[in-house]
Amino acid sequence: MKEQSHYIEILILVKDDIELVYTILHGIFHRHKEESGSQKIGISFPYYENDKGFVGHVFRLIGNETDLNKIKGMISNSSIKTMNNVKVKDNIVTIPDAVEHVSFYRYRADNYISKNKLKKQAEYIYNKAKEDGKEMTSAELISVVDEIKSNLIKTHNLKIHGDKNYYLAVRQQKDVNQKVGEFSVFGLSKKHEPVTVPLF
């Protein structure tokens, strides 16, 4: 049986609902792995915004028809079905033949910087300049802070709620060849065992 033959499409009309939908799907993937012994359902984000790391308003759950039927049943029994701003397409659809393959993976948003961290960096630069005998003006300090900000990649962190809260930053990596295998319980590729999903 082909591992990535079909997909279920979920349309999330309101941005504020994206985190909740992902949280519910995370629970569904976790349960699916416990029941089946594997997790071969991945998520493809066709409207992913690479410059922001924003996953977009459309989720496509990728897998074989048998597994997706099980996932669809779990979705039907979840609160996703009662959310007015979330539309789950009725049919499990065949994936087109000619598609691009990419990996979506979770990464640590080390380049994300809080206001507090930014303030500490600015204080460090100011004090270092002072030690070197240079008194920085407010304008010079603001300019340095703006430069630090501009060097950061903007990321959209999803907060996944549960027994433990996760901040999930998603990155896309383009791959020429399809790689099949197991996904994480977030529906993402594992960094040490990369797998792809079709993007169309």
C-alpha atoms as a PDB file:
ATOM      1  CA  MET A   1       0.000   0.000   0.000  1.00  0.00           C
ATOM      2  CA  LYS A   2       1.330   3.412  -0.984  1.00  0.00           C
ATOM      3  CA  GLU A   3       2.049   5.413   2.186  1.00  0.00           C
ATOM      4  CA  GLN A   4       1.195   8.842   0.774  1.00  0.00           C
ATOM      5  CA  SER A   5      -1.687   8.343  -1.638  1.00  0.00           C
ATOM      6  CA  HIS A   6      -4.491  10.514  -0.196  1.00  0.00           C
ATOM      7  CA  TYR A   7      -5.188  13.601   1.872  1.00  0.00           C
ATOM      8  CA  ILE A   8      -7.796  15.307   4.048  1.00  0.00           C
ATOM      9  CA  GLU A   9      -8.048  19.082   3.751  1.00  0.00           C
ATOM     10  CA  ILE A  10      -8.854  21.337   6.689  1.00  0.00           C
ATOM     11  CA  LEU A  11      -9.574  25.036   6.140  1.00  0.00           C
ATOM     12  CA  ILE A  12      -9.183  27.324   9.168  1.00  0.00           C
ATOM     13  CA  LEU A  13     -10.936  30.618   8.454  1.00  0.00           C
ATOM     14  CA  VAL A  14      -9.810  32.520  11.544  1.00  0.00           C
ATOM     15  CA  LYS A  15      -6.116  32.816  12.430  1.00  0.00           C
ATOM     16  CA  ASP A  16      -6.814  32.616  16.174  1.00  0.00           C
ATOM     17  CA  ASP A  17      -8.194  29.068  15.713  1.00  0.00           C
ATOM     18  CA  ILE A  18      -5.014  27.670  14.141  1.00  0.00           C
ATOM     19  CA  GLU A  19      -3.343  26.862  17.465  1.00  0.00           C
ATOM     20  CA  LEU A  20      -6.446  25.131  18.837  1.00  0.00           C
ATOM     21  CA  VAL A  21      -6.876  22.996  15.698  1.00  0.00           C
ATOM     22  CA  TYR A  22      -3.201  22.005  15.807  1.00  0.00           C
ATOM     23  CA  THR A  23      -3.483  21.152  19.501  1.00  0.00           C
ATOM     24  CA  ILE A  24      -6.429  18.828  18.791  1.00  0.00           C
ATOM     25  CA  LEU A  25      -4.623  17.223  15.834  1.00  0.00           C
ATOM     26  CA  HIS A  26      -1.562  16.672  18.025  1.00  0.00           C
ATOM     27  CA  GLY A  27      -3.775  14.683  20.423  1.00  0.00           C
ATOM     28  CA  ILE A  28      -5.308  12.736  17.514  1.00  0.00           C
ATOM     29  CA  PHE A  29      -1.880  11.848  16.081  1.00  0.00           C
ATOM     30  CA  HIS A  30      -0.734  10.749  19.518  1.00  0.00           C
ATOM     31  CA  ARG A  31      -3.778   8.490  19.924  1.00  0.00           C
ATOM     32  CA  HIS A  32      -3.365   7.152  16.370  1.00  0.00           C
ATOM     33  CA  LYS A  33       0.241   6.183  17.127  1.00  0.00           C
ATOM     34  CA  GLU A  34      -0.788   4.410  20.345  1.00  0.00           C
ATOM     35  CA  GLU A  35      -3.553   2.469  18.586  1.00  0.00           C
ATOM     36  CA  SER A  36      -1.745   1.567  15.359  1.00  0.00           C
ATOM     37  CA  GLY A  37       1.847   1.369  16.591  1.00  0.00           C
ATOM     38  CA  SER A  38       3.074   3.921  14.043  1.00  0.00           C
ATOM     39  CA  GLN A  39       2.505   7.533  12.985  1.00  0.00           C
ATOM     40  CA  LYS A  40       2.620   7.855   9.210  1.00  0.00           C
ATOM     41  CA  ILE A  41       0.244  10.825   8.907  1.00  0.00           C
ATOM     42  CA  GLY A  42       2.038  14.057   7.998  1.00  0.00           C
ATOM     43  CA  ILE A  43       0.789  17.608   7.612  1.00  0.00           C
ATOM     44  CA  SER A  44       1.425  19.647   4.496  1.00  0.00           C
ATOM     45  CA  PHE A  45       0.970  23.430   4.662  1.00  0.00           C
ATOM     46  CA  PRO A  46       0.296  24.588   1.069  1.00  0.00           C
ATOM     47  CA  TYR A  47       0.178  28.276   2.038  1.00  0.00           C
ATOM     48  CA  TYR A  48       3.189  28.261   4.336  1.00  0.00           C
ATOM     49  CA  GLU A  49       4.895  31.684   4.485  1.00  0.00           C
ATOM     50  CA  ASN A  50       8.617  31.024   4.491  1.00  0.00           C
ATOM     51  CA  ASP A  51       9.706  34.511   5.567  1.00  0.00           C
ATOM     52  CA  LYS A  52       7.529  34.377   8.698  1.00  0.00           C
ATOM     53  CA  GLY A  53       7.373  30.666   9.436  1.00  0.00           C
ATOM     54  CA  PHE A  54       3.561  31.012   9.385  1.00  0.00           C
ATOM     55  CA  VAL A  55       1.856  27.705   8.597  1.00  0.00           C
ATOM     56  CA  GLY A  56      -1.129  29.279   6.858  1.00  0.00           C
ATOM     57  CA  HIS A  57      -4.868  28.639   6.973  1.00  0.00           C
ATOM     58  CA  VAL A  58      -4.948  25.286   5.143  1.00  0.00           C
ATOM     59  CA  PHE A  59      -3.778  21.970   6.612  1.00  0.00           C
ATOM     60  CA  ARG A  60      -3.578  18.863   4.421  1.00  0.00           C
ATOM     61  CA  LEU A  61      -3.268  15.596   6.317  1.00  0.00           C
ATOM     62  CA  ILE A  62      -1.237  13.213   4.178  1.00  0.00           C
ATOM     63  CA  GLY A  63      -1.269   9.416   4.355  1.00  0.00           C
ATOM     64  CA  ASN A  64      -2.847   6.274   2.936  1.00  0.00           C
ATOM     65  CA  GLU A  65      -6.613   5.918   2.640  1.00  0.00           C
ATOM     66  CA  THR A  66      -6.943   3.376   5.464  1.00  0.00           C
ATOM     67  CA  ASP A  67      -5.091   5.481   8.043  1.00  0.00           C
ATOM     68  CA  LEU A  68      -6.850   8.664   6.934  1.00  0.00           C
ATOM     69  CA  ASN A  69     -10.261   7.035   7.416  1.00  0.00           C
ATOM     70  CA  LYS A  70      -9.276   6.371  11.032  1.00  0.00           C
ATOM     71  CA  ILE A  71      -8.058   9.942  11.455  1.00  0.00           C
ATOM     72  CA  LYS A  72     -11.248  11.285   9.888  1.00  0.00           C
ATOM     73  CA  GLY A  73     -13.314   9.309  12.417  1.00  0.00           C
ATOM     74  CA  MET A  74     -11.274  10.792  15.269  1.00  0.00           C
ATOM     75  CA  ILE A  75     -11.727  14.308  13.859  1.00  0.00           C
ATOM     76  CA  SER A  76     -15.499  13.725  13.602  1.00  0.00           C
ATOM     77  CA  ASN A  77     -15.562  12.873  17.309  1.00  0.00           C
ATOM     78  CA  SER A  78     -13.431  15.878  18.281  1.00  0.00           C
ATOM     79  CA  SER A  79     -14.309  19.497  18.944  1.00  0.00           C
ATOM     80  CA  ILE A  80     -12.934  20.444  15.501  1.00  0.00           C
ATOM     81  CA  LYS A  81     -16.299  19.435  14.036  1.00  0.00           C
ATOM     82  CA  THR A  82     -18.113  21.942  16.261  1.00  0.00           C
ATOM     83  CA  MET A  83     -15.891  24.912  15.379  1.00  0.00           C
ATOM     84  CA  ASN A  84     -17.809  27.290  13.109  1.00  0.00           C
ATOM     85  CA  ASN A  85     -14.683  28.747  11.521  1.00  0.00           C
ATOM     86  CA  VAL A  86     -13.102  25.408  10.641  1.00  0.00           C
ATOM     87  CA  LYS A  87     -14.128  23.417   7.565  1.00  0.00           C
ATOM     88  CA  VAL A  88     -13.078  19.784   7.162  1.00  0.00           C
ATOM     89  CA  LYS A  89     -13.597  18.643   3.566  1.00  0.00           C
ATOM     90  CA  ASP A  90     -15.980  15.678   3.366  1.00  0.00           C
ATOM     91  CA  ASN A  91     -13.953  13.513   0.996  1.00  0.00           C
ATOM     92  CA  ILE A  92     -10.590  11.821   1.341  1.00  0.00           C
ATOM     93  CA  VAL A  93      -8.959  12.877  -1.922  1.00  0.00           C
ATOM     94  CA  THR A  94      -6.281  11.236  -4.100  1.00  0.00           C
ATOM     95  CA  ILE A  95      -3.003  13.176  -4.260  1.00  0.00           C
ATOM     96  CA  PRO A  96      -2.118  14.409  -7.775  1.00  0.00           C
ATOM     97  CA  ASP A  97       0.758  12.615  -9.521  1.00  0.00           C
ATOM     98  CA  ALA A  98       3.062  15.537 -10.303  1.00  0.00           C
ATOM     99  CA  VAL A  99       3.802  17.240  -6.999  1.00  0.00           C
ATOM    100  CA  GLU A 100       6.749  18.804  -5.214  1.00  0.00           C
ATOM    101  CA  HIS A 101       8.023  17.127  -2.049  1.00  0.00           C
ATOM    102  CA  VAL A 102       9.101  19.084   1.020  1.00  0.00           C
ATOM    103  CA  SER A 103       9.842  18.503   4.694  1.00  0.00           C
ATOM    104  CA  PHE A 104       8.161  20.474   7.448  1.00  0.00           C
ATOM    105  CA  TYR A 105       9.987  20.178  10.725  1.00  0.00           C
ATOM    106  CA  ARG A 106       9.927  21.637  14.197  1.00  0.00           C
ATOM    107  CA  TYR A 107      12.893  23.744  15.124  1.00  0.00           C
ATOM    108  CA  ARG A 108      14.096  25.640  18.124  1.00  0.00           C
ATOM    109  CA  ALA A 109      13.421  29.328  17.569  1.00  0.00           C
ATOM    110  CA  ASP A 110      16.783  30.452  18.901  1.00  0.00           C
ATOM    111  CA  ASN A 111      16.597  33.505  16.657  1.00  0.00           C
ATOM    112  CA  TYR A 112      13.398  34.617  18.369  1.00  0.00           C
ATOM    113  CA  ILE A 113      14.167  37.335  20.893  1.00  0.00           C
ATOM    114  CA  SER A 114      11.969  38.670  23.665  1.00  0.00           C
ATOM    115  CA  LYS A 115      11.792  42.356  24.679  1.00  0.00           C
ATOM    116  CA  ASN A 116      13.616  41.502  27.883  1.00  0.00           C
ATOM    117  CA  LYS A 117      16.414  39.729  26.002  1.00  0.00           C
ATOM    118  CA  LEU A 118      16.642  42.618  23.543  1.00  0.00           C
ATOM    119  CA  LYS A 119      16.965  45.069  26.449  1.00  0.00           C
ATOM    120  CA  LYS A 120      19.780  42.983  27.976  1.00  0.00           C
ATOM    121  CA  GLN A 121      21.640  42.912  24.659  1.00  0.00           C
ATOM    122  CA  ALA A 122      21.298  46.684  24.337  1.00  0.00           C
ATOM    123  CA  GLU A 123      22.589  47.177  27.901  1.00  0.00           C
ATOM    124  CA  TYR A 124      25.541  44.880  27.174  1.00  0.00           C
ATOM    125  CA  ILE A 125      26.477  46.846  24.029  1.00  0.00           C
ATOM    126  CA  TYR A 126      26.126  50.154  25.887  1.00  0.00           C
ATOM    127  CA  ASN A 127      28.286  49.010  28.835  1.00  0.00           C
ATOM    128  CA  LYS A 128      30.899  47.467  26.536  1.00  0.00           C
ATOM    129  CA  ALA A 129      31.200  50.761  24.628  1.00  0.00           C
ATOM    130  CA  LYS A 130      31.541  52.600  27.944  1.00  0.00           C
ATOM    131  CA  GLU A 131      34.346  50.261  29.045  1.00  0.00           C
ATOM    132  CA  ASP A 132      36.118  51.056  25.768  1.00  0.00           C
ATOM    133  CA  GLY A 133      35.858  54.761  26.569  1.00  0.00           C
ATOM    134  CA  LYS A 134      32.994  55.566  24.208  1.00  0.00           C
ATOM    135  CA  GLU A 135      29.758  57.110  25.430  1.00  0.00           C
ATOM    136  CA  MET A 136      26.899  56.042  23.145  1.00  0.00           C
ATOM    137  CA  THR A 137      24.113  58.494  22.427  1.00  0.00           C
ATOM    138  CA  SER A 138      20.455  57.409  22.561  1.00  0.00           C
ATOM    139  CA  ALA A 139      20.258  57.637  18.761  1.00  0.00           C
ATOM    140  CA  GLU A 140      23.297  55.344  18.367  1.00  0.00           C
ATOM    141  CA  LEU A 141      21.856  52.811  20.809  1.00  0.00           C
ATOM    142  CA  ILE A 142      18.465  52.812  19.026  1.00  0.00           C
ATOM    143  CA  SER A 143      20.279  52.254  15.726  1.00  0.00           C
ATOM    144  CA  VAL A 144      22.143  49.228  17.166  1.00  0.00           C
ATOM    145  CA  VAL A 145      18.898  47.764  18.575  1.00  0.00           C
ATOM    146  CA  ASP A 146      17.164  48.211  15.196  1.00  0.00           C
ATOM    147  CA  GLU A 147      20.043  46.373  13.512  1.00  0.00           C
ATOM    148  CA  ILE A 148      19.716  43.442  15.963  1.00  0.00           C
ATOM    149  CA  LYS A 149      15.975  43.275  15.234  1.00  0.00           C
ATOM    150  CA  SER A 150      16.481  43.357  11.462  1.00  0.00           C
ATOM    151  CA  ASN A 151      18.843  40.365  11.614  1.00  0.00           C
ATOM    152  CA  LEU A 152      16.213  38.153  13.215  1.00  0.00           C
ATOM    153  CA  ILE A 153      14.065  35.802  11.176  1.00  0.00           C
ATOM    154  CA  LYS A 154      10.450  36.423  12.071  1.00  0.00           C
ATOM    155  CA  THR A 155       8.763  33.280  13.334  1.00  0.00           C
ATOM    156  CA  HIS A 156       5.183  32.367  14.067  1.00  0.00           C
ATOM    157  CA  ASN A 157       5.263  30.201  17.182  1.00  0.00           C
ATOM    158  CA  LEU A 158       2.284  27.918  17.685  1.00  0.00           C
ATOM    159  CA  LYS A 159       1.419  27.255  21.305  1.00  0.00           C
ATOM    160  CA  ILE A 160       0.298  23.634  21.629  1.00  0.00           C
ATOM    161  CA  HIS A 161      -1.654  23.075  24.838  1.00  0.00           C
ATOM    162  CA  GLY A 162      -1.818  19.855  26.819  1.00  0.00           C
ATOM    163  CA  ASP A 163      -0.182  18.230  29.837  1.00  0.00           C
ATOM    164  CA  LYS A 164       2.831  20.256  28.797  1.00  0.00           C
ATOM    165  CA  ASN A 165       2.694  23.399  26.653  1.00  0.00           C
ATOM    166  CA  TYR A 166       4.902  23.492  23.553  1.00  0.00           C
ATOM    167  CA  TYR A 167       5.984  26.456  21.496  1.00  0.00           C
ATOM    168  CA  LEU A 168       6.172  25.101  17.992  1.00  0.00           C
ATOM    169  CA  ALA A 169       8.138  26.923  15.296  1.00  0.00           C
ATOM    170  CA  VAL A 170       7.769  25.244  11.888  1.00  0.00           C
ATOM    171  CA  ARG A 171      10.302  25.418   9.075  1.00  0.00           C
ATOM    172  CA  GLN A 172      10.095  24.161   5.500  1.00  0.00           C
ATOM    173  CA  GLN A 173      12.904  22.397   3.663  1.00  0.00           C
ATOM    174  CA  LYS A 174      12.581  21.609  -0.012  1.00  0.00           C
ATOM    175  CA  ASP A 175      13.583  18.116  -1.135  1.00  0.00           C
ATOM    176  CA  VAL A 176      13.893  16.797  -4.673  1.00  0.00           C
ATOM    177  CA  ASN A 177      13.064  13.188  -3.829  1.00  0.00           C
ATOM    178  CA  GLN A 178      10.210  11.790  -1.795  1.00  0.00           C
ATOM    179  CA  LYS A 179      11.239  10.244   1.520  1.00  0.00           C
ATOM    180  CA  VAL A 180       8.626   8.128   3.307  1.00  0.00           C
ATOM    181  CA  GLY A 181       8.643   7.034   6.922  1.00  0.00           C
ATOM    182  CA  GLU A 182       7.314   7.987  10.349  1.00  0.00           C
ATOM    183  CA  PHE A 183       6.254  11.471  11.362  1.00  0.00           C
ATOM    184  CA  SER A 184       6.306  12.968  14.834  1.00  0.00           C
ATOM    185  CA  VAL A 185       3.074  13.275  16.830  1.00  0.00           C
ATOM    186  CA  PHE A 186       2.975  16.856  15.523  1.00  0.00           C
ATOM    187  CA  GLY A 187       2.667  15.487  11.969  1.00  0.00           C
ATOM    188  CA  LEU A 188       6.127  16.878  11.176  1.00  0.00           C
ATOM    189  CA  SER A 189       9.356  15.411   9.893  1.00  0.00           C
ATOM    190  CA  LYS A 190      11.887  14.283  12.465  1.00  0.00           C
ATOM    191  CA  LYS A 191      15.225  16.064  12.033  1.00  0.00           C
ATOM    192  CA  HIS A 192      17.284  12.857  12.426  1.00  0.00           C
ATOM    193  CA  GLU A 193      14.927  10.824  10.167  1.00  0.00           C
ATOM    194  CA  PRO A 194      13.686  13.307   7.528  1.00  0.00           C
ATOM    195  CA  VAL A 195      10.480  12.469   5.670  1.00  0.00           C
ATOM    196  CA  THR A 196       8.626  14.512   3.073  1.00  0.00           C
ATOM    197  CA  VAL A 197       5.052  15.440   2.263  1.00  0.00           C
ATOM    198  CA  PRO A 198       3.671  16.478  -1.123  1.00  0.00           C
ATOM    199  CA  LEU A 199       3.129  20.196  -1.660  1.00  0.00           C
ATOM    200  CA  PHE A 200       0.470  21.183  -4.178  1.00  0.00           C
END
